[in-house]
Amino acid sequence: MQHAVGSPLPPPHQPGQEPAAGWSPAAHHPGAGAHQGPASVPPPPPVPGFTGAGAPAGPVPPAPPRHTPAPPAPPRHTPAPPAPPVPDSTGHVPLPPGGPVPAPSTPPATATAPDATSTTLAVLLIGPAGAGKTSVAKYWADHRRVPTAHISLDDVREWVRSGFADPQTGWNDHSEAQYRLARRTCGFAARNFLANGISCILDDAVFPDRPVVGLGGWKRHVGPGLLPVVLLPGLDIVLERNAERTGNRRLTDEEVARIHGRMAGWYGSGLPIIDNSQLDVPGTARVLNDVLARAIASPPTW
């Protein structure tokens, strides 16, 4: 016999045998429950996490929360330490920046006289053409106890080859511009030498009637510590020495006389003046050391 609908019949009941677990006769025989009462078989305990077909009625307890570890924090970017400097094998020596030469301080009255041969100095040797500036400057620089450089304005001016404005052809805007450029270049060189502990002596024909262009320019480019000294022999000595020159260094006698006359304006200026008419180069250098020692002790006002 078959049912039209419904679930399959339970197994046949045998005398003395309990119904199969999970089967209730009343579920398939509705009328039988009226006199037999409720089924005495308790429902099976719920299976945790089982919610498929055939699961017991009632709420299923939620599964305990699974501990999900927090994602690791991104690594903090730590900058790499700077690489150690690579040793320079080229022999380059870094130079300190050159600065203006400060004015020398006046030593106390009880101090001994300074030694101009072993002190770092910046000297400007002034004089007309033929006064012996270049010869004296080279000798003085050669015989000092400390490193000393000689910087000649005429040498730097003559670095210009094509387009050189020769003053012998007349002083004009081009020769003036090249003179100013050479003086500024000499000032840069002097400051770099002095910044590295090397004294320097510069020579130039500075005119007393042009203080802004002459001493003022040197003071701006080198610094207030520059010590000016004037070489001014007699006119006959200047003419004789000029006659021994060659090339564009040699001037006409008229030009030499005119320059010498203008240089006479240094008398009464307060600058130290050396008349080396009767002195040779070594003797002039010795007098120059004496003059510089006094200038260090009592700097001239200029």
Protein backbone atom coordinates (compact mmCIF):
# COMPACT_ATOMS: atom_id res chain seq x y z
CA MET A 1 0.00 0.00 0.00
CA GLN A 2 1.39 3.47 -0.86
CA HIS A 3 0.59 6.93 0.46
CA ALA A 4 -0.21 9.64 -1.97
CA VAL A 5 1.80 12.23 -0.13
CA GLY A 6 3.97 12.48 2.90
CA SER A 7 7.14 10.95 4.12
CA PRO A 8 7.81 7.23 4.16
CA LEU A 9 6.16 5.10 6.83
CA PRO A 10 8.06 4.19 9.95
CA PRO A 11 9.19 0.63 10.37
CA PRO A 12 6.50 -1.77 11.65
CA HIS A 13 6.10 -1.80 15.42
CA GLN A 14 6.98 -5.02 17.11
CA PRO A 15 5.52 -5.93 20.48
CA GLY A 16 7.85 -4.99 23.32
CA GLN A 17 9.91 -2.65 21.07
CA GLU A 18 10.02 1.13 21.36
CA PRO A 19 9.37 3.18 18.27
CA ALA A 20 12.43 4.27 16.32
CA ALA A 21 14.12 7.30 17.64
CA GLY A 22 12.98 10.48 16.02
CA TRP A 23 9.70 9.05 14.88
CA SER A 24 6.41 9.96 16.51
CA PRO A 25 3.34 7.86 15.66
CA ALA A 26 1.16 10.90 16.09
CA ALA A 27 3.07 12.64 13.35
CA HIS A 28 1.75 10.12 10.82
CA HIS A 29 -1.49 9.19 12.54
CA PRO A 30 -3.10 12.43 13.60
CA GLY A 31 -5.96 10.81 15.31
CA ALA A 32 -3.89 8.68 17.58
CA GLY A 33 -2.59 11.55 19.66
CA ALA A 34 -6.00 12.23 21.15
CA HIS A 35 -5.81 9.42 23.71
CA GLN A 36 -2.14 8.59 23.92
CA GLY A 37 -0.77 12.05 25.02
CA PRO A 38 2.40 13.69 23.95
CA ALA A 39 5.36 11.79 22.86
CA SER A 40 7.75 10.91 25.62
CA VAL A 41 10.89 11.06 23.52
CA PRO A 42 12.81 14.36 24.05
CA PRO A 43 14.34 16.07 21.04
CA PRO A 44 17.98 15.43 20.49
CA PRO A 45 20.41 18.11 21.58
CA PRO A 46 21.25 20.64 18.92
CA VAL A 47 24.44 20.16 17.03
CA PRO A 48 26.47 23.33 17.20
CA GLY A 49 26.80 24.96 13.86
CA PHE A 50 24.47 22.52 12.07
CA THR A 51 21.62 24.30 10.30
CA GLY A 52 20.94 21.98 7.42
CA ALA A 53 17.80 19.93 6.74
CA GLY A 54 16.70 17.85 9.70
CA ALA A 55 18.21 20.29 12.24
CA PRO A 56 16.13 20.61 15.44
CA ALA A 57 13.85 23.57 15.85
CA GLY A 58 15.00 26.52 17.92
CA PRO A 59 17.77 29.07 17.73
CA VAL A 60 21.25 27.85 17.09
CA PRO A 61 23.74 29.44 19.46
CA PRO A 62 26.17 31.61 17.52
CA ALA A 63 29.62 30.27 17.03
CA PRO A 64 32.17 31.85 19.32
CA PRO A 65 33.94 34.74 17.58
CA ARG A 66 37.14 33.71 15.98
CA HIS A 67 40.09 35.89 16.93
CA THR A 68 41.35 37.54 13.80
CA PRO A 69 44.78 39.05 14.39
CA ALA A 70 45.16 42.68 13.40
CA PRO A 71 47.11 43.22 10.22
CA PRO A 72 50.73 44.09 10.95
CA ALA A 73 51.52 47.78 10.95
CA PRO A 74 53.38 48.90 7.88
CA PRO A 75 57.07 49.25 8.57
CA ARG A 76 58.11 52.76 9.41
CA HIS A 77 60.50 54.24 6.88
CA THR A 78 63.76 54.94 8.59
CA PRO A 79 66.13 56.93 6.39
CA ALA A 80 69.38 55.22 5.81
CA PRO A 81 72.36 56.86 7.48
CA PRO A 82 74.43 58.99 5.11
CA ALA A 83 77.23 57.17 3.46
CA PRO A 84 80.66 58.13 4.72
CA PRO A 85 82.47 60.57 2.42
CA VAL A 86 84.62 58.96 -0.17
CA PRO A 87 88.24 59.88 0.38
CA ASP A 88 89.42 62.32 -2.23
CA SER A 89 92.44 60.88 -3.94
CA THR A 90 93.00 63.85 -6.24
CA GLY A 91 94.90 65.85 -3.66
CA HIS A 92 92.30 68.64 -3.57
CA VAL A 93 92.51 70.75 -0.43
CA PRO A 94 89.29 72.59 0.49
CA LEU A 95 89.93 76.29 0.91
CA PRO A 96 88.23 78.55 3.45
CA PRO A 97 86.31 81.43 1.94
CA GLY A 98 88.35 84.57 1.54
CA GLY A 99 87.15 87.58 3.47
CA PRO A 100 88.23 91.19 3.91
CA VAL A 101 91.43 91.62 5.86
CA PRO A 102 90.53 93.10 9.26
CA ALA A 103 92.36 96.14 10.48
CA PRO A 104 95.31 95.20 12.73
CA SER A 105 94.70 95.74 16.41
CA THR A 106 97.00 98.07 18.31
CA PRO A 107 99.19 96.07 20.71
CA PRO A 108 99.48 97.26 24.33
CA ALA A 109 102.25 99.70 25.19
CA THR A 110 104.10 97.05 27.19
CA ALA A 111 104.21 94.60 24.28
CA THR A 112 107.40 94.07 22.35
CA ALA A 113 107.69 95.43 18.81
CA PRO A 114 106.06 93.04 16.32
CA ASP A 115 108.26 91.16 13.89
CA ALA A 116 107.17 92.10 10.40
CA THR A 117 109.11 89.19 8.88
CA SER A 118 107.03 86.48 10.58
CA THR A 119 103.56 88.07 10.70
CA THR A 120 100.82 87.40 8.15
CA LEU A 121 100.38 90.72 6.36
CA ALA A 122 98.72 92.31 3.36
CA VAL A 123 100.92 95.08 1.93
CA LEU A 124 100.23 97.50 -0.92
CA LEU A 125 103.44 98.90 -2.41
CA ILE A 126 102.75 102.18 -4.21
CA GLY A 127 105.06 104.07 -6.54
CA PRO A 128 105.61 105.50 -10.01
CA ALA A 129 106.93 103.51 -12.94
CA GLY A 130 110.60 102.85 -12.33
CA ALA A 131 110.41 103.14 -8.54
CA GLY A 132 111.41 99.48 -8.15
CA LYS A 133 108.07 98.27 -6.79
CA THR A 134 108.12 94.88 -8.53
CA SER A 135 111.77 94.13 -7.72
CA VAL A 136 111.38 95.05 -4.05
CA ALA A 137 108.08 93.18 -3.70
CA LYS A 138 109.55 89.96 -5.14
CA TYR A 139 112.65 90.16 -2.94
CA TRP A 140 110.61 90.91 0.18
CA ALA A 141 108.26 87.98 -0.53
CA ASP A 142 111.22 85.64 -1.20
CA HIS A 143 112.96 86.36 2.11
CA ARG A 144 110.13 86.23 4.63
CA ARG A 145 109.86 83.60 7.37
CA VAL A 146 106.22 82.87 6.55
CA PRO A 147 104.63 81.97 3.18
CA THR A 148 104.15 85.10 1.11
CA ALA A 149 102.76 85.76 -2.36
CA HIS A 150 103.55 88.61 -4.74
CA ILE A 151 100.64 89.95 -6.79
CA SER A 152 101.49 92.48 -9.48
CA LEU A 153 98.71 94.55 -10.98
CA ASP A 154 100.59 94.97 -14.26
CA ASP A 155 101.00 91.19 -14.60
CA VAL A 156 97.27 90.65 -14.11
CA ARG A 157 96.37 93.43 -16.54
CA GLU A 158 98.52 91.78 -19.17
CA TRP A 159 96.57 88.54 -18.88
CA VAL A 160 94.39 90.17 -21.53
CA ARG A 161 96.08 89.38 -24.84
CA SER A 162 93.75 90.17 -27.72
CA GLY A 163 92.11 93.53 -27.06
CA PHE A 164 94.60 94.64 -24.40
CA ALA A 165 94.17 98.37 -23.76
CA ASP A 166 97.77 99.59 -23.60
CA PRO A 167 97.97 102.76 -21.48
CA GLN A 168 100.85 103.96 -23.69
CA THR A 169 98.36 104.59 -26.46
CA GLY A 170 96.34 106.85 -24.19
CA TRP A 171 94.20 106.40 -21.10
CA ASN A 172 90.59 105.79 -22.12
CA ASP A 173 87.49 103.95 -20.99
CA HIS A 174 88.88 100.57 -22.11
CA SER A 175 92.15 100.93 -20.22
CA GLU A 176 90.26 102.21 -17.18
CA ALA A 177 87.89 99.22 -17.28
CA GLN A 178 90.75 96.73 -17.59
CA TYR A 179 92.58 98.42 -14.75
CA ARG A 180 89.54 98.13 -12.48
CA LEU A 181 89.00 94.50 -13.49
CA ALA A 182 92.65 93.65 -12.78
CA ARG A 183 92.55 95.36 -9.40
CA ARG A 184 89.42 93.45 -8.42
CA THR A 185 91.05 90.17 -9.54
CA CYS A 186 94.14 90.97 -7.47
CA GLY A 187 91.91 91.68 -4.48
CA PHE A 188 90.18 88.29 -4.80
CA ALA A 189 93.55 86.56 -5.05
CA ALA A 190 94.90 88.40 -2.01
CA ARG A 191 91.90 87.49 0.11
CA ASN A 192 92.18 83.83 -0.83
CA PHE A 193 95.88 83.76 0.01
CA LEU A 194 95.32 85.50 3.34
CA ALA A 195 92.42 83.18 4.23
CA ASN A 196 94.88 80.30 3.95
CA GLY A 197 97.58 81.91 6.07
CA ILE A 198 99.69 83.23 3.18
CA SER A 199 100.81 86.85 3.30
CA CYS A 200 100.70 88.90 0.14
CA ILE A 201 102.25 92.05 -1.24
CA LEU A 202 100.60 93.90 -4.11
CA ASP A 203 102.18 96.66 -6.21
CA ASP A 204 100.38 99.37 -8.12
CA ALA A 205 100.89 102.95 -9.24
CA VAL A 206 98.12 104.48 -7.14
CA PHE A 207 97.67 108.23 -7.53
CA PRO A 208 96.94 110.37 -4.46
CA ASP A 209 94.63 112.66 -6.45
CA ARG A 210 92.27 109.75 -7.21
CA PRO A 211 91.59 108.28 -3.74
CA VAL A 212 88.28 106.66 -4.66
CA VAL A 213 89.76 104.76 -7.60
CA GLY A 214 93.13 104.10 -5.93
CA LEU A 215 93.28 103.45 -2.19
CA GLY A 216 89.51 103.25 -1.85
CA GLY A 217 89.31 100.48 -4.44
CA TRP A 218 92.09 98.44 -2.84
CA LYS A 219 90.53 98.88 0.58
CA ARG A 220 87.18 97.60 -0.71
CA HIS A 221 88.67 94.58 -2.45
CA VAL A 222 91.24 93.51 0.15
CA GLY A 223 90.05 94.98 3.44
CA PRO A 224 90.91 97.64 6.00
CA GLY A 225 93.89 95.61 7.22
CA LEU A 226 95.81 96.38 4.03
CA LEU A 227 99.01 98.31 4.84
CA PRO A 228 100.00 100.85 2.11
CA VAL A 229 103.61 101.95 1.73
CA VAL A 230 104.94 104.40 -0.87
CA LEU A 231 108.24 103.97 -2.75
CA LEU A 232 109.28 107.35 -4.12
CA PRO A 233 112.87 107.81 -5.30
CA GLY A 234 114.07 110.94 -7.08
CA LEU A 235 113.03 111.72 -10.64
CA ASP A 236 116.48 111.06 -12.06
CA ILE A 237 116.51 107.54 -10.57
CA VAL A 238 113.04 106.83 -11.93
CA LEU A 239 114.04 107.99 -15.44
CA GLU A 240 117.18 105.84 -15.32
CA ARG A 241 115.28 102.70 -14.29
CA ASN A 242 112.54 103.29 -16.82
CA ALA A 243 115.13 103.45 -19.61
CA GLU A 244 116.14 99.87 -18.78
CA ARG A 245 112.63 98.56 -19.38
CA THR A 246 111.35 96.93 -22.55
CA GLY A 247 107.97 96.33 -24.16
CA ASN A 248 104.86 98.06 -22.96
CA ARG A 249 106.35 98.50 -19.48
CA ARG A 250 108.63 101.25 -20.81
CA LEU A 251 107.11 104.73 -20.84
CA THR A 252 108.25 107.96 -22.41
CA ASP A 253 110.29 110.33 -20.30
CA GLU A 254 107.46 112.88 -20.38
CA GLU A 255 105.00 110.30 -19.06
CA VAL A 256 107.41 109.21 -16.33
CA ALA A 257 107.95 112.80 -15.23
CA ARG A 258 104.21 113.48 -15.18
CA ILE A 259 103.48 110.37 -13.06
CA HIS A 260 106.34 111.19 -10.67
CA GLY A 261 104.97 114.68 -10.16
CA ARG A 262 101.56 113.34 -9.29
CA MET A 263 103.09 110.83 -6.86
CA ALA A 264 104.64 113.69 -4.91
CA GLY A 265 101.15 114.32 -3.56
CA TRP A 266 101.68 111.41 -1.13
CA TYR A 267 103.87 113.65 1.01
CA GLY A 268 101.73 114.89 3.83
CA SER A 269 99.14 112.12 3.32
CA GLY A 270 100.12 110.25 6.47
CA LEU A 271 101.25 107.14 4.57
CA PRO A 272 104.79 105.89 5.16
CA ILE A 273 107.15 106.90 2.33
CA ILE A 274 110.49 105.27 1.50
CA ASP A 275 112.95 107.23 -0.60
CA ASN A 276 115.03 104.40 -2.05
CA SER A 277 117.16 106.60 -4.28
CA GLN A 278 120.35 105.42 -2.53
CA LEU A 279 119.17 101.93 -1.57
CA ASP A 280 119.51 98.67 -3.44
CA VAL A 281 116.75 96.07 -3.45
CA PRO A 282 117.83 94.19 -0.25
CA GLY A 283 118.35 97.46 1.58
CA THR A 284 114.91 98.71 0.54
CA ALA A 285 113.37 95.43 1.74
CA ARG A 286 114.97 95.87 5.17
CA VAL A 287 113.60 99.41 5.44
CA LEU A 288 110.22 98.09 4.36
CA ASN A 289 110.25 95.62 7.27
CA ASP A 290 110.97 98.45 9.70
CA VAL A 291 108.18 100.57 8.27
CA LEU A 292 105.71 97.66 8.46
CA ALA A 293 106.65 96.91 12.07
CA ARG A 294 105.74 100.51 12.97
CA ALA A 295 102.56 100.30 10.88
CA ILE A 296 101.48 97.15 12.76
CA ALA A 297 102.06 98.85 16.09
CA SER A 298 100.32 102.06 14.97
CA PRO A 299 98.21 101.47 11.80
CA PRO A 300 98.06 104.49 9.49
CA THR A 301 94.76 106.24 8.92
CA TRP A 302 93.81 106.15 5.27
